[in-house]
Amino acid sequence: MKITLKILLFSLFVFPFILIIQSCEDSLGYDPNVEITKIIKDTVKIDPEDPQTKFITIDKWDITFKEFYQEGRVLKDQKWDFIILSHKILIDTSNRFPKLWMEIDFANNLPDTDYKNRHDRVLNYRIKLAAELYTETIYNLNEKINERRWSEITMRDLRRAGGVNFIIPGIESRSQIILEEINLRAGYLNFIVSNDFVKYPYLNTRYFRGNIKLYFK
């Protein structure tokens, strides 16, 4: 009886733990059914004006985004076309771990008429990340505006006459940026951006995901 009880208790504690670990696996960050929970909590202050830092400006990148939207019972995706309204991207690679200051303001450059089968769309996306970078690290972008890590998405409701815009802060979209790869020798950083709209069940758009690859010398 004692042996049976021990086996039962072991199963109750270990098996759910295995399921939790497996549910967090998402190598590219594009599986909309996976919630990634590995978060870095560091206290490094990043100041581009600090004379002790050796920041250089990054002005070369490859950036892509997709909107995942519901059509009936099918989840479809659509490339998000955008322009960059403003950017400030600096990197310091003089120490063991690179320091990055990244602020980018994106805007969709397509008219509403290109979204005939959609109830809503992502209109703008703003992001900021100031951090010391560690390989395969995930950063939450849910701080207040002008702090180290934040983001916001402007949605456009197309079902209303003339369209109505509203802002979703990073904490509401569980906004994260995943540092997928650092290659100092080749000179690039690769990030995956992840946002979902679970808290907004009435939206046709369910997820907003992207890839940001930065090049430096």
N, C-alpha and C. Protein backbone atom coordinates (compact mmCIF):
# COMPACT_ATOMS: atom_id res chain seq x y z
N MET A 1 0.83 -1.21 0.00
CA MET A 1 0.00 0.00 0.00
C MET A 1 0.87 1.26 0.00
N LYS A 2 1.96 1.25 0.82
CA LYS A 2 2.85 2.42 0.88
C LYS A 2 3.54 2.65 -0.44
N ILE A 3 3.95 1.55 -1.11
CA ILE A 3 4.63 1.67 -2.40
C ILE A 3 3.69 2.27 -3.44
N THR A 4 2.43 1.80 -3.44
CA THR A 4 1.43 2.32 -4.39
C THR A 4 1.18 3.80 -4.16
N LEU A 5 1.13 4.21 -2.88
CA LEU A 5 0.90 5.61 -2.56
C LEU A 5 2.05 6.48 -3.01
N LYS A 6 3.27 5.99 -2.83
CA LYS A 6 4.46 6.74 -3.26
C LYS A 6 4.47 6.93 -4.77
N ILE A 7 4.10 5.87 -5.51
CA ILE A 7 4.06 5.96 -6.98
C ILE A 7 3.02 6.97 -7.42
N LEU A 8 1.86 6.98 -6.73
CA LEU A 8 0.79 7.90 -7.07
C LEU A 8 1.22 9.34 -6.82
N LEU A 9 1.84 9.60 -5.67
CA LEU A 9 2.30 10.95 -5.36
C LEU A 9 3.37 11.41 -6.33
N PHE A 10 4.27 10.51 -6.71
CA PHE A 10 5.32 10.84 -7.67
C PHE A 10 4.72 11.26 -9.01
N SER A 11 3.68 10.52 -9.44
CA SER A 11 3.02 10.82 -10.72
C SER A 11 2.32 12.17 -10.68
N LEU A 12 1.69 12.48 -9.53
CA LEU A 12 0.96 13.73 -9.41
C LEU A 12 1.87 14.94 -9.49
N PHE A 13 3.08 14.82 -8.96
CA PHE A 13 4.00 15.97 -8.92
C PHE A 13 4.89 16.05 -10.13
N VAL A 14 5.38 14.93 -10.63
CA VAL A 14 6.37 14.92 -11.72
C VAL A 14 5.72 15.06 -13.08
N PHE A 15 4.61 14.38 -13.32
CA PHE A 15 4.01 14.39 -14.65
C PHE A 15 3.53 15.77 -15.07
N PRO A 16 2.83 16.52 -14.19
CA PRO A 16 2.46 17.90 -14.59
C PRO A 16 3.67 18.77 -14.86
N PHE A 17 4.77 18.55 -14.10
CA PHE A 17 5.98 19.34 -14.32
C PHE A 17 6.54 19.10 -15.71
N ILE A 18 6.51 17.83 -16.16
CA ILE A 18 6.98 17.49 -17.51
C ILE A 18 6.13 18.17 -18.57
N LEU A 19 4.80 18.18 -18.34
CA LEU A 19 3.90 18.83 -19.28
C LEU A 19 4.18 20.32 -19.38
N ILE A 20 4.48 20.96 -18.25
CA ILE A 20 4.77 22.39 -18.26
C ILE A 20 6.01 22.67 -19.06
N ILE A 21 7.05 21.87 -18.89
CA ILE A 21 8.29 22.06 -19.63
C ILE A 21 8.05 21.89 -21.12
N GLN A 22 7.30 20.85 -21.50
CA GLN A 22 7.04 20.61 -22.92
C GLN A 22 6.21 21.72 -23.53
N SER A 23 5.27 22.28 -22.74
CA SER A 23 4.39 23.32 -23.29
C SER A 23 5.12 24.61 -23.57
N CYS A 24 6.34 24.77 -23.04
CA CYS A 24 7.08 26.01 -23.23
C CYS A 24 8.02 25.93 -24.42
N GLU A 25 8.08 24.78 -25.09
CA GLU A 25 8.99 24.63 -26.21
C GLU A 25 8.43 25.30 -27.45
N ASP A 26 9.17 26.24 -27.99
CA ASP A 26 8.75 26.96 -29.18
C ASP A 26 9.99 27.64 -29.75
N SER A 27 10.75 26.91 -30.55
CA SER A 27 12.07 27.36 -30.97
C SER A 27 12.03 28.66 -31.76
N LEU A 28 10.96 28.91 -32.50
CA LEU A 28 10.89 30.12 -33.32
C LEU A 28 9.95 31.17 -32.75
N GLY A 29 9.14 30.81 -31.76
CA GLY A 29 8.23 31.78 -31.18
C GLY A 29 7.03 32.08 -32.05
N TYR A 30 6.76 31.25 -33.05
CA TYR A 30 5.66 31.53 -33.97
C TYR A 30 4.48 30.60 -33.76
N ASP A 31 4.55 29.65 -32.83
CA ASP A 31 3.42 28.79 -32.55
C ASP A 31 2.44 29.55 -31.66
N PRO A 32 1.28 29.92 -32.17
CA PRO A 32 0.36 30.75 -31.39
C PRO A 32 -0.23 30.03 -30.19
N ASN A 33 -0.09 28.69 -30.11
CA ASN A 33 -0.64 27.94 -29.00
C ASN A 33 0.35 27.75 -27.86
N VAL A 34 1.54 28.30 -28.01
CA VAL A 34 2.58 28.14 -27.00
C VAL A 34 2.78 29.45 -26.25
N GLU A 35 2.76 29.36 -24.94
CA GLU A 35 3.04 30.53 -24.11
C GLU A 35 4.44 30.37 -23.53
N ILE A 36 5.34 31.29 -23.85
CA ILE A 36 6.72 31.21 -23.39
C ILE A 36 6.83 31.94 -22.06
N THR A 37 7.47 31.31 -21.07
CA THR A 37 7.50 31.88 -19.73
C THR A 37 8.91 32.14 -19.20
N LYS A 38 9.94 31.83 -19.96
CA LYS A 38 11.31 32.06 -19.50
C LYS A 38 11.63 33.55 -19.59
N ILE A 39 11.78 34.20 -18.44
CA ILE A 39 11.97 35.65 -18.41
C ILE A 39 13.28 35.99 -17.69
N ILE A 40 14.01 36.95 -18.23
CA ILE A 40 15.21 37.42 -17.56
C ILE A 40 14.85 38.61 -16.67
N LYS A 41 15.37 38.61 -15.46
CA LYS A 41 15.12 39.72 -14.54
C LYS A 41 16.47 40.31 -14.13
N ASP A 42 16.97 41.24 -14.88
CA ASP A 42 18.24 41.86 -14.56
C ASP A 42 18.03 43.30 -14.14
N THR A 43 19.04 43.88 -13.52
CA THR A 43 18.94 45.24 -13.02
C THR A 43 19.97 46.16 -13.66
N VAL A 44 20.52 45.72 -14.80
CA VAL A 44 21.54 46.52 -15.47
C VAL A 44 20.91 47.78 -16.05
N LYS A 45 21.50 48.93 -15.74
CA LYS A 45 20.99 50.19 -16.27
C LYS A 45 21.72 50.51 -17.58
N ILE A 46 20.95 50.82 -18.60
CA ILE A 46 21.51 51.15 -19.90
C ILE A 46 21.28 52.63 -20.17
N ASP A 47 22.37 53.36 -20.36
CA ASP A 47 22.28 54.79 -20.61
C ASP A 47 23.18 55.14 -21.80
N PRO A 48 22.58 55.48 -22.94
CA PRO A 48 23.41 55.78 -24.13
C PRO A 48 24.29 57.01 -23.97
N GLU A 49 23.99 57.83 -22.97
CA GLU A 49 24.79 59.04 -22.75
C GLU A 49 25.94 58.80 -21.77
N ASP A 50 26.01 57.61 -21.20
CA ASP A 50 27.06 57.30 -20.24
C ASP A 50 28.42 57.27 -20.95
N PRO A 51 29.38 58.08 -20.52
CA PRO A 51 30.68 58.12 -21.20
C PRO A 51 31.48 56.82 -21.08
N GLN A 52 31.08 55.93 -20.15
CA GLN A 52 31.77 54.66 -19.99
C GLN A 52 31.36 53.64 -21.05
N THR A 53 30.27 53.88 -21.73
CA THR A 53 29.81 52.95 -22.77
C THR A 53 30.42 53.31 -24.12
N LYS A 54 30.44 52.34 -25.01
CA LYS A 54 31.02 52.54 -26.34
C LYS A 54 29.97 52.17 -27.40
N PHE A 55 28.89 52.91 -27.40
CA PHE A 55 27.79 52.61 -28.31
C PHE A 55 28.14 52.99 -29.75
N ILE A 56 27.72 52.13 -30.67
CA ILE A 56 27.76 52.45 -32.10
C ILE A 56 26.34 52.38 -32.62
N THR A 57 26.06 53.11 -33.67
CA THR A 57 24.71 53.16 -34.24
C THR A 57 24.49 52.03 -35.24
N ILE A 58 23.34 51.37 -35.11
CA ILE A 58 22.96 50.33 -36.06
C ILE A 58 21.95 50.90 -37.04
N ASP A 59 22.23 50.80 -38.33
CA ASP A 59 21.30 51.32 -39.33
C ASP A 59 21.06 50.32 -40.47
N LYS A 60 21.32 49.04 -40.18
CA LYS A 60 21.05 48.00 -41.17
C LYS A 60 20.29 46.87 -40.47
N TRP A 61 19.19 46.43 -41.10
CA TRP A 61 18.37 45.40 -40.47
C TRP A 61 17.52 44.66 -41.48
N ASP A 62 17.02 43.51 -41.07
CA ASP A 62 15.97 42.76 -41.78
C ASP A 62 14.83 42.59 -40.78
N ILE A 63 13.66 43.13 -41.12
CA ILE A 63 12.53 43.10 -40.20
C ILE A 63 11.28 42.62 -40.93
N THR A 64 10.59 41.66 -40.36
CA THR A 64 9.33 41.16 -40.92
C THR A 64 8.32 40.96 -39.80
N PHE A 65 7.03 41.16 -40.13
CA PHE A 65 5.95 40.94 -39.18
C PHE A 65 4.81 40.20 -39.86
N LYS A 66 4.03 39.49 -39.04
CA LYS A 66 2.82 38.83 -39.53
C LYS A 66 1.69 39.07 -38.54
N GLU A 67 0.49 39.24 -39.11
CA GLU A 67 -0.73 39.27 -38.32
C GLU A 67 -1.41 37.92 -38.48
N PHE A 68 -1.76 37.29 -37.36
CA PHE A 68 -2.52 36.04 -37.38
C PHE A 68 -3.97 36.38 -37.05
N TYR A 69 -4.88 35.99 -37.92
CA TYR A 69 -6.28 36.37 -37.72
C TYR A 69 -7.20 35.16 -37.91
N GLN A 70 -8.37 35.25 -37.28
CA GLN A 70 -9.34 34.16 -37.32
C GLN A 70 -10.30 34.35 -38.48
N GLU A 71 -10.44 33.31 -39.27
CA GLU A 71 -11.44 33.31 -40.35
C GLU A 71 -12.26 32.04 -40.19
N GLY A 72 -13.44 32.17 -39.57
CA GLY A 72 -14.22 30.99 -39.20
C GLY A 72 -13.47 30.24 -38.11
N ARG A 73 -13.19 28.98 -38.36
CA ARG A 73 -12.42 28.18 -37.40
C ARG A 73 -10.96 28.07 -37.78
N VAL A 74 -10.58 28.76 -38.84
CA VAL A 74 -9.21 28.66 -39.35
C VAL A 74 -8.40 29.87 -38.93
N LEU A 75 -7.18 29.63 -38.46
CA LEU A 75 -6.26 30.71 -38.13
C LEU A 75 -5.35 30.95 -39.33
N LYS A 76 -5.43 32.15 -39.91
CA LYS A 76 -4.64 32.49 -41.08
C LYS A 76 -3.63 33.57 -40.72
N ASP A 77 -2.68 33.79 -41.61
CA ASP A 77 -1.70 34.85 -41.36
C ASP A 77 -1.56 35.73 -42.59
N GLN A 78 -1.18 36.95 -42.35
CA GLN A 78 -1.01 37.94 -43.40
C GLN A 78 0.23 38.78 -43.10
N LYS A 79 1.06 38.97 -44.11
CA LYS A 79 2.26 39.79 -43.94
C LYS A 79 1.85 41.21 -43.58
N TRP A 80 2.57 41.79 -42.62
CA TRP A 80 2.29 43.16 -42.19
C TRP A 80 3.26 44.10 -42.90
N ASP A 81 2.75 44.91 -43.80
CA ASP A 81 3.58 45.86 -44.53
C ASP A 81 3.70 47.14 -43.72
N PHE A 82 4.91 47.67 -43.62
CA PHE A 82 5.11 48.81 -42.73
C PHE A 82 6.20 49.74 -43.24
N ILE A 83 6.21 50.92 -42.66
CA ILE A 83 7.32 51.85 -42.79
C ILE A 83 7.83 52.14 -41.38
N ILE A 84 9.08 52.57 -41.26
CA ILE A 84 9.64 52.93 -39.96
C ILE A 84 9.59 54.44 -39.82
N LEU A 85 8.79 54.91 -38.87
CA LEU A 85 8.62 56.35 -38.67
C LEU A 85 9.83 56.96 -37.96
N SER A 86 10.38 56.23 -37.01
CA SER A 86 11.57 56.71 -36.31
C SER A 86 12.28 55.52 -35.68
N HIS A 87 13.58 55.67 -35.45
CA HIS A 87 14.33 54.60 -34.80
C HIS A 87 15.58 55.15 -34.12
N LYS A 88 15.96 54.47 -33.06
CA LYS A 88 17.22 54.75 -32.36
C LYS A 88 17.74 53.40 -31.88
N ILE A 89 18.79 52.91 -32.55
CA ILE A 89 19.34 51.59 -32.24
C ILE A 89 20.84 51.72 -32.01
N LEU A 90 21.27 51.44 -30.78
CA LEU A 90 22.67 51.54 -30.40
C LEU A 90 23.12 50.24 -29.76
N ILE A 91 24.39 49.87 -29.99
CA ILE A 91 24.91 48.66 -29.37
C ILE A 91 26.34 48.89 -28.89
N ASP A 92 26.65 48.31 -27.74
CA ASP A 92 27.99 48.36 -27.17
C ASP A 92 28.46 46.92 -26.99
N THR A 93 29.45 46.50 -27.74
CA THR A 93 29.95 45.12 -27.68
C THR A 93 31.32 45.05 -27.01
N SER A 94 31.69 46.07 -26.26
CA SER A 94 33.03 46.12 -25.68
C SER A 94 33.18 45.21 -24.45
N ASN A 95 32.07 44.79 -23.86
CA ASN A 95 32.13 43.92 -22.67
C ASN A 95 31.69 42.50 -23.01
N ARG A 96 31.66 41.66 -22.02
CA ARG A 96 31.31 40.25 -22.23
C ARG A 96 29.92 40.11 -22.83
N PHE A 97 28.96 40.86 -22.27
CA PHE A 97 27.60 40.82 -22.78
C PHE A 97 27.29 42.15 -23.46
N PRO A 98 26.84 42.11 -24.72
CA PRO A 98 26.50 43.36 -25.43
C PRO A 98 25.37 44.12 -24.74
N LYS A 99 25.42 45.43 -24.85
CA LYS A 99 24.34 46.28 -24.35
C LYS A 99 23.62 46.89 -25.55
N LEU A 100 22.30 46.85 -25.48
CA LEU A 100 21.49 47.33 -26.61
C LEU A 100 20.50 48.38 -26.15
N TRP A 101 20.38 49.42 -26.96
CA TRP A 101 19.31 50.42 -26.80
C TRP A 101 18.56 50.45 -28.12
N MET A 102 17.30 50.02 -28.10
CA MET A 102 16.51 49.93 -29.34
C MET A 102 15.14 50.54 -29.13
N GLU A 103 14.83 51.57 -29.92
CA GLU A 103 13.50 52.18 -29.96
C GLU A 103 13.10 52.29 -31.42
N ILE A 104 11.97 51.69 -31.79
CA ILE A 104 11.50 51.74 -33.17
C ILE A 104 10.00 51.98 -33.19
N ASP A 105 9.58 52.85 -34.10
CA ASP A 105 8.17 53.17 -34.28
C ASP A 105 7.76 52.73 -35.69
N PHE A 106 6.93 51.69 -35.77
CA PHE A 106 6.47 51.15 -37.05
C PHE A 106 5.05 51.62 -37.35
N ALA A 107 4.74 51.78 -38.64
CA ALA A 107 3.38 52.13 -39.05
C ALA A 107 3.00 51.32 -40.28
N ASN A 108 1.79 50.78 -40.27
CA ASN A 108 1.28 50.05 -41.42
C ASN A 108 1.10 51.02 -42.58
N ASN A 109 1.55 50.64 -43.76
CA ASN A 109 1.47 51.56 -44.90
C ASN A 109 0.43 51.13 -45.94
N LEU A 110 -0.51 50.25 -45.55
CA LEU A 110 -1.56 49.82 -46.46
C LEU A 110 -2.90 50.46 -46.08
N PRO A 111 -3.74 50.75 -47.06
CA PRO A 111 -5.06 51.34 -46.76
C PRO A 111 -6.03 50.29 -46.23
N ASP A 112 -7.12 50.74 -45.62
CA ASP A 112 -8.13 49.83 -45.09
C ASP A 112 -8.72 48.93 -46.17
N THR A 113 -8.74 49.41 -47.40
CA THR A 113 -9.34 48.63 -48.50
C THR A 113 -8.57 47.35 -48.79
N ASP A 114 -7.32 47.25 -48.32
CA ASP A 114 -6.54 46.03 -48.50
C ASP A 114 -6.87 44.98 -47.43
N TYR A 115 -7.82 45.30 -46.54
CA TYR A 115 -8.20 44.39 -45.46
C TYR A 115 -9.70 44.10 -45.54
N LYS A 116 -10.18 43.75 -46.73
CA LYS A 116 -11.61 43.57 -46.96
C LYS A 116 -12.19 42.42 -46.15
N ASN A 117 -11.41 41.38 -45.90
CA ASN A 117 -11.91 40.20 -45.19
C ASN A 117 -11.56 40.23 -43.70
N ARG A 118 -11.13 41.38 -43.20
CA ARG A 118 -10.71 41.49 -41.81
C ARG A 118 -11.64 42.43 -41.04
N HIS A 119 -11.83 42.13 -39.78
CA HIS A 119 -12.63 43.00 -38.91
C HIS A 119 -11.77 44.09 -38.27
N ASP A 120 -10.48 43.83 -38.18
CA ASP A 120 -9.56 44.77 -37.55
C ASP A 120 -8.15 44.51 -38.06
N ARG A 121 -7.24 45.40 -37.72
CA ARG A 121 -5.88 45.31 -38.21
C ARG A 121 -4.93 46.01 -37.23
N VAL A 122 -3.64 45.67 -37.32
CA VAL A 122 -2.62 46.38 -36.55
C VAL A 122 -2.20 47.59 -37.35
N LEU A 123 -2.36 48.76 -36.76
CA LEU A 123 -2.07 50.01 -37.46
C LEU A 123 -0.65 50.51 -37.16
N ASN A 124 -0.27 50.48 -35.88
CA ASN A 124 1.07 50.94 -35.47
C ASN A 124 1.63 49.99 -34.42
N TYR A 125 2.94 49.94 -34.37
CA TYR A 125 3.63 49.15 -33.35
C TYR A 125 4.85 49.91 -32.89
N ARG A 126 4.94 50.15 -31.59
CA ARG A 126 6.08 50.84 -31.01
C ARG A 126 6.75 49.92 -30.00
N ILE A 127 8.09 49.93 -30.01
CA ILE A 127 8.82 49.01 -29.16
C ILE A 127 10.07 49.68 -28.60
N LYS A 128 10.41 49.31 -27.37
CA LYS A 128 11.66 49.79 -26.77
C LYS A 128 12.28 48.66 -25.96
N LEU A 129 13.58 48.45 -26.14
CA LEU A 129 14.32 47.49 -25.35
C LEU A 129 15.68 48.08 -25.01
N ALA A 130 15.93 48.26 -23.72
CA ALA A 130 17.24 48.68 -23.24
C ALA A 130 17.71 47.60 -22.28
N ALA A 131 18.72 46.83 -22.68
CA ALA A 131 19.10 45.67 -21.89
C ALA A 131 20.51 45.20 -22.20
N GLU A 132 21.08 44.50 -21.23
CA GLU A 132 22.29 43.75 -21.47
C GLU A 132 21.84 42.40 -22.00
N LEU A 133 22.45 41.92 -23.08
CA LEU A 133 21.92 40.78 -23.82
C LEU A 133 22.59 39.47 -23.43
N TYR A 134 21.75 38.48 -23.19
CA TYR A 134 22.21 37.13 -22.89
C TYR A 134 21.58 36.19 -23.90
N THR A 135 22.31 35.18 -24.33
CA THR A 135 21.82 34.26 -25.37
C THR A 135 20.51 33.59 -24.96
N GLU A 136 19.60 33.48 -25.91
CA GLU A 136 18.32 32.81 -25.75
C GLU A 136 17.57 33.32 -24.51
N THR A 137 17.40 34.61 -24.47
CA THR A 137 16.72 35.25 -23.34
C THR A 137 15.42 35.89 -23.80
N ILE A 138 14.44 35.89 -22.93
CA ILE A 138 13.15 36.50 -23.23
C ILE A 138 12.94 37.69 -22.31
N TYR A 139 12.54 38.82 -22.89
CA TYR A 139 12.29 40.03 -22.13
C TYR A 139 10.82 40.42 -22.26
N ASN A 140 10.18 40.67 -21.13
CA ASN A 140 8.82 41.20 -21.14
C ASN A 140 8.85 42.68 -21.50
N LEU A 141 7.94 43.10 -22.36
CA LEU A 141 7.86 44.50 -22.77
C LEU A 141 6.59 45.12 -22.17
N ASN A 142 6.51 45.07 -20.86
CA ASN A 142 5.27 45.49 -20.20
C ASN A 142 5.47 46.63 -19.21
N GLU A 143 6.61 47.32 -19.32
CA GLU A 143 6.83 48.47 -18.44
C GLU A 143 6.07 49.68 -18.96
N LYS A 144 6.08 50.76 -18.18
CA LYS A 144 5.42 51.98 -18.60
C LYS A 144 6.22 52.68 -19.69
N ILE A 145 5.56 53.51 -20.46
CA ILE A 145 6.20 54.22 -21.55
C ILE A 145 7.39 55.03 -21.03
N ASN A 146 8.45 55.04 -21.83
CA ASN A 146 9.71 55.72 -21.51
C ASN A 146 10.58 54.98 -20.50
N GLU A 147 10.15 53.80 -20.04
CA GLU A 147 11.02 52.99 -19.21
C GLU A 147 11.86 52.06 -20.09
N ARG A 148 12.54 51.08 -19.50
CA ARG A 148 13.52 50.29 -20.24
C ARG A 148 12.91 49.36 -21.29
N ARG A 149 11.76 48.78 -20.96
CA ARG A 149 11.19 47.77 -21.85
C ARG A 149 9.68 47.94 -21.94
N TRP A 150 9.22 48.41 -23.06
CA TRP A 150 7.79 48.59 -23.23
C TRP A 150 7.43 48.49 -24.71
N SER A 151 6.17 48.30 -24.96
CA SER A 151 5.66 48.31 -26.33
C SER A 151 4.20 48.70 -26.29
N GLU A 152 3.68 49.10 -27.43
CA GLU A 152 2.25 49.35 -27.56
C GLU A 152 1.84 49.13 -29.01
N ILE A 153 0.64 48.63 -29.16
CA ILE A 153 0.07 48.35 -30.48
C ILE A 153 -1.19 49.20 -30.66
N THR A 154 -1.28 49.87 -31.78
CA THR A 154 -2.50 50.59 -32.12
C THR A 154 -3.31 49.74 -33.09
N MET A 155 -4.51 49.37 -32.65
CA MET A 155 -5.41 48.57 -33.49
C MET A 155 -6.42 49.48 -34.16
N ARG A 156 -6.91 49.04 -35.31
CA ARG A 156 -7.97 49.78 -36.02
C ARG A 156 -9.17 48.86 -36.21
N ASP A 157 -10.29 49.25 -35.64
CA ASP A 157 -11.55 48.52 -35.77
C ASP A 157 -12.19 48.91 -37.10
N LEU A 158 -12.25 47.97 -38.04
CA LEU A 158 -12.75 48.26 -39.39
C LEU A 158 -14.26 48.09 -39.51
N ARG A 159 -14.88 47.57 -38.45
CA ARG A 159 -16.33 47.34 -38.53
C ARG A 159 -17.13 48.62 -38.29
N ARG A 160 -16.48 49.62 -37.73
CA ARG A 160 -17.16 50.88 -37.48
C ARG A 160 -16.91 51.85 -38.63
N ALA A 161 -17.87 52.67 -38.91
CA ALA A 161 -17.78 53.62 -40.03
C ALA A 161 -16.57 54.53 -39.87
N GLY A 162 -15.74 54.55 -40.89
CA GLY A 162 -14.54 55.37 -40.85
C GLY A 162 -13.39 54.77 -40.08
N GLY A 163 -13.64 53.67 -39.36
CA GLY A 163 -12.61 53.02 -38.57
C GLY A 163 -12.35 53.73 -37.26
N VAL A 164 -12.13 52.97 -36.21
CA VAL A 164 -11.86 53.52 -34.89
C VAL A 164 -10.56 52.91 -34.37
N ASN A 165 -9.64 53.76 -33.90
CA ASN A 165 -8.35 53.30 -33.40
C ASN A 165 -8.34 53.23 -31.88
N PHE A 166 -7.63 52.23 -31.34
CA PHE A 166 -7.43 52.16 -29.90
C PHE A 166 -6.09 51.49 -29.62
N ILE A 167 -5.50 51.81 -28.47
CA ILE A 167 -4.15 51.36 -28.13
C ILE A 167 -4.19 50.19 -27.15
N ILE A 168 -3.37 49.19 -27.41
CA ILE A 168 -3.19 48.05 -26.51
C ILE A 168 -1.76 48.10 -25.97
N PRO A 169 -1.58 48.34 -24.66
CA PRO A 169 -0.22 48.39 -24.10
C PRO A 169 0.39 47.00 -24.03
N GLY A 170 1.71 46.95 -23.89
CA GLY A 170 2.43 45.69 -23.89
C GLY A 170 1.96 44.70 -22.85
N ILE A 171 1.59 45.18 -21.68
CA ILE A 171 1.14 44.27 -20.63
C ILE A 171 -0.17 43.59 -20.99
N GLU A 172 -0.99 44.24 -21.83
CA GLU A 172 -2.28 43.67 -22.23
C GLU A 172 -2.11 42.64 -23.35
N SER A 173 -1.04 42.77 -24.14
CA SER A 173 -0.82 41.82 -25.25
C SER A 173 0.27 40.81 -24.91
N ARG A 174 0.65 40.74 -23.64
CA ARG A 174 1.72 39.85 -23.18
C ARG A 174 2.93 39.97 -24.11
N SER A 175 3.30 41.21 -24.37
CA SER A 175 4.35 41.52 -25.34
C SER A 175 5.72 41.04 -24.84
N GLN A 176 6.42 40.31 -25.69
CA GLN A 176 7.74 39.80 -25.37
C GLN A 176 8.66 39.94 -26.57
N ILE A 177 9.95 40.07 -26.28
CA ILE A 177 10.95 40.00 -27.34
C ILE A 177 11.96 38.94 -26.93
N ILE A 178 12.19 37.99 -27.82
CA ILE A 178 13.05 36.85 -27.55
C ILE A 178 14.37 37.02 -28.29
N LEU A 179 15.46 37.04 -27.56
CA LEU A 179 16.77 37.08 -28.19
C LEU A 179 17.12 35.66 -28.62
N GLU A 180 16.97 35.40 -29.92
CA GLU A 180 17.18 34.05 -30.42
C GLU A 180 18.65 33.74 -30.66
N GLU A 181 19.41 34.75 -31.10
CA GLU A 181 20.81 34.48 -31.44
C GLU A 181 21.66 35.74 -31.37
N ILE A 182 22.88 35.58 -30.81
CA ILE A 182 23.90 36.62 -30.88
C ILE A 182 25.09 36.03 -31.63
N ASN A 183 25.55 36.72 -32.66
CA ASN A 183 26.75 36.28 -33.38
C ASN A 183 27.68 37.48 -33.49
N LEU A 184 28.60 37.59 -32.54
CA LEU A 184 29.50 38.73 -32.52
C LEU A 184 30.52 38.67 -33.64
N ARG A 185 30.91 37.47 -34.02
CA ARG A 185 31.90 37.33 -35.09
C ARG A 185 31.33 37.80 -36.43
N ALA A 186 30.10 37.34 -36.75
CA ALA A 186 29.47 37.75 -38.00
C ALA A 186 28.82 39.13 -37.87
N GLY A 187 28.57 39.57 -36.64
CA GLY A 187 28.03 40.90 -36.41
C GLY A 187 26.53 41.02 -36.61
N TYR A 188 25.75 40.19 -35.91
CA TYR A 188 24.30 40.36 -35.99
C TYR A 188 23.61 39.84 -34.73
N LEU A 189 22.42 40.37 -34.49
CA LEU A 189 21.52 39.95 -33.42
C LEU A 189 20.20 39.56 -34.05
N ASN A 190 19.59 38.52 -33.55
CA ASN A 190 18.30 38.10 -34.09
C ASN A 190 17.27 38.00 -32.98
N PHE A 191 16.15 38.73 -33.14
CA PHE A 191 15.09 38.75 -32.14
C PHE A 191 13.78 38.24 -32.75
N ILE A 192 12.96 37.64 -31.91
CA ILE A 192 11.59 37.28 -32.27
C ILE A 192 10.65 38.06 -31.36
N VAL A 193 9.67 38.72 -31.95
CA VAL A 193 8.72 39.55 -31.21
C VAL A 193 7.39 38.80 -31.14
N SER A 194 6.78 38.81 -29.96
CA SER A 194 5.55 38.04 -29.76
C SER A 194 4.51 38.87 -29.02
N ASN A 195 3.28 38.91 -29.57
CA ASN A 195 2.15 39.59 -28.94
C ASN A 195 0.89 38.78 -29.20
N ASP A 196 -0.01 38.73 -28.22
CA ASP A 196 -1.29 38.08 -28.47
C ASP A 196 -2.42 38.95 -27.93
N PHE A 197 -3.64 38.63 -28.36
CA PHE A 197 -4.80 39.44 -27.99
C PHE A 197 -5.86 38.58 -27.30
N VAL A 198 -5.39 37.70 -26.41
CA VAL A 198 -6.28 36.83 -25.66
C VAL A 198 -7.24 37.64 -24.81
N LYS A 199 -6.78 38.78 -24.31
CA LYS A 199 -7.63 39.62 -23.47
C LYS A 199 -8.67 40.39 -24.28
N TYR A 200 -8.61 40.26 -25.60
CA TYR A 200 -9.55 40.96 -26.49
C TYR A 200 -10.23 39.93 -27.40
N PRO A 201 -11.10 39.08 -26.83
CA PRO A 201 -11.69 37.98 -27.59
C PRO A 201 -12.55 38.43 -28.77
N TYR A 202 -13.00 39.69 -28.76
CA TYR A 202 -13.84 40.18 -29.85
C TYR A 202 -13.02 40.56 -31.08
N LEU A 203 -11.70 40.62 -30.96
CA LEU A 203 -10.87 40.98 -32.10
C LEU A 203 -10.74 39.81 -33.07
N ASN A 204 -10.75 40.13 -34.33
CA ASN A 204 -10.50 39.16 -35.39
C ASN A 204 -9.01 38.80 -35.44
N THR A 205 -8.16 39.79 -35.15
CA THR A 205 -6.72 39.57 -35.10
C THR A 205 -6.37 38.90 -33.77
N ARG A 206 -5.66 37.77 -33.83
CA ARG A 206 -5.39 37.01 -32.62
C ARG A 206 -3.95 37.16 -32.13
N TYR A 207 -2.99 37.26 -33.08
CA TYR A 207 -1.58 37.34 -32.70
C TYR A 207 -0.85 38.29 -33.65
N PHE A 208 0.23 38.86 -33.14
CA PHE A 208 1.09 39.72 -33.94
C PHE A 208 2.53 39.29 -33.63
N ARG A 209 3.22 38.73 -34.63
CA ARG A 209 4.55 38.18 -34.41
C ARG A 209 5.52 38.77 -35.43
N GLY A 210 6.78 38.86 -35.04
CA GLY A 210 7.77 39.44 -35.95
C GLY A 210 9.17 38.93 -35.72
N ASN A 211 10.03 39.26 -36.65
CA ASN A 211 11.45 38.91 -36.57
C ASN A 211 12.26 40.18 -36.85
N ILE A 212 13.18 40.49 -35.95
CA ILE A 212 14.04 41.67 -36.10
C ILE A 212 15.49 41.20 -36.08
N LYS A 213 16.18 41.37 -37.19
CA LYS A 213 17.59 41.01 -37.28
C LYS A 213 18.39 42.28 -37.49
N LEU A 214 19.31 42.55 -36.56
CA LEU A 214 20.13 43.75 -36.60
C LEU A 214 21.57 43.40 -36.95
N TYR A 215 22.15 44.21 -37.83
CA TYR A 215 23.54 43.97 -38.26
C TYR A 215 24.43 45.10 -37.72
N PHE A 216 25.63 44.75 -37.31
CA PHE A 216 26.58 45.76 -36.84
C PHE A 216 27.99 45.33 -37.22
N LYS A 217 28.93 46.27 -37.21
CA LYS A 217 30.31 45.99 -37.55
C LYS A 217 31.15 45.80 -36.30
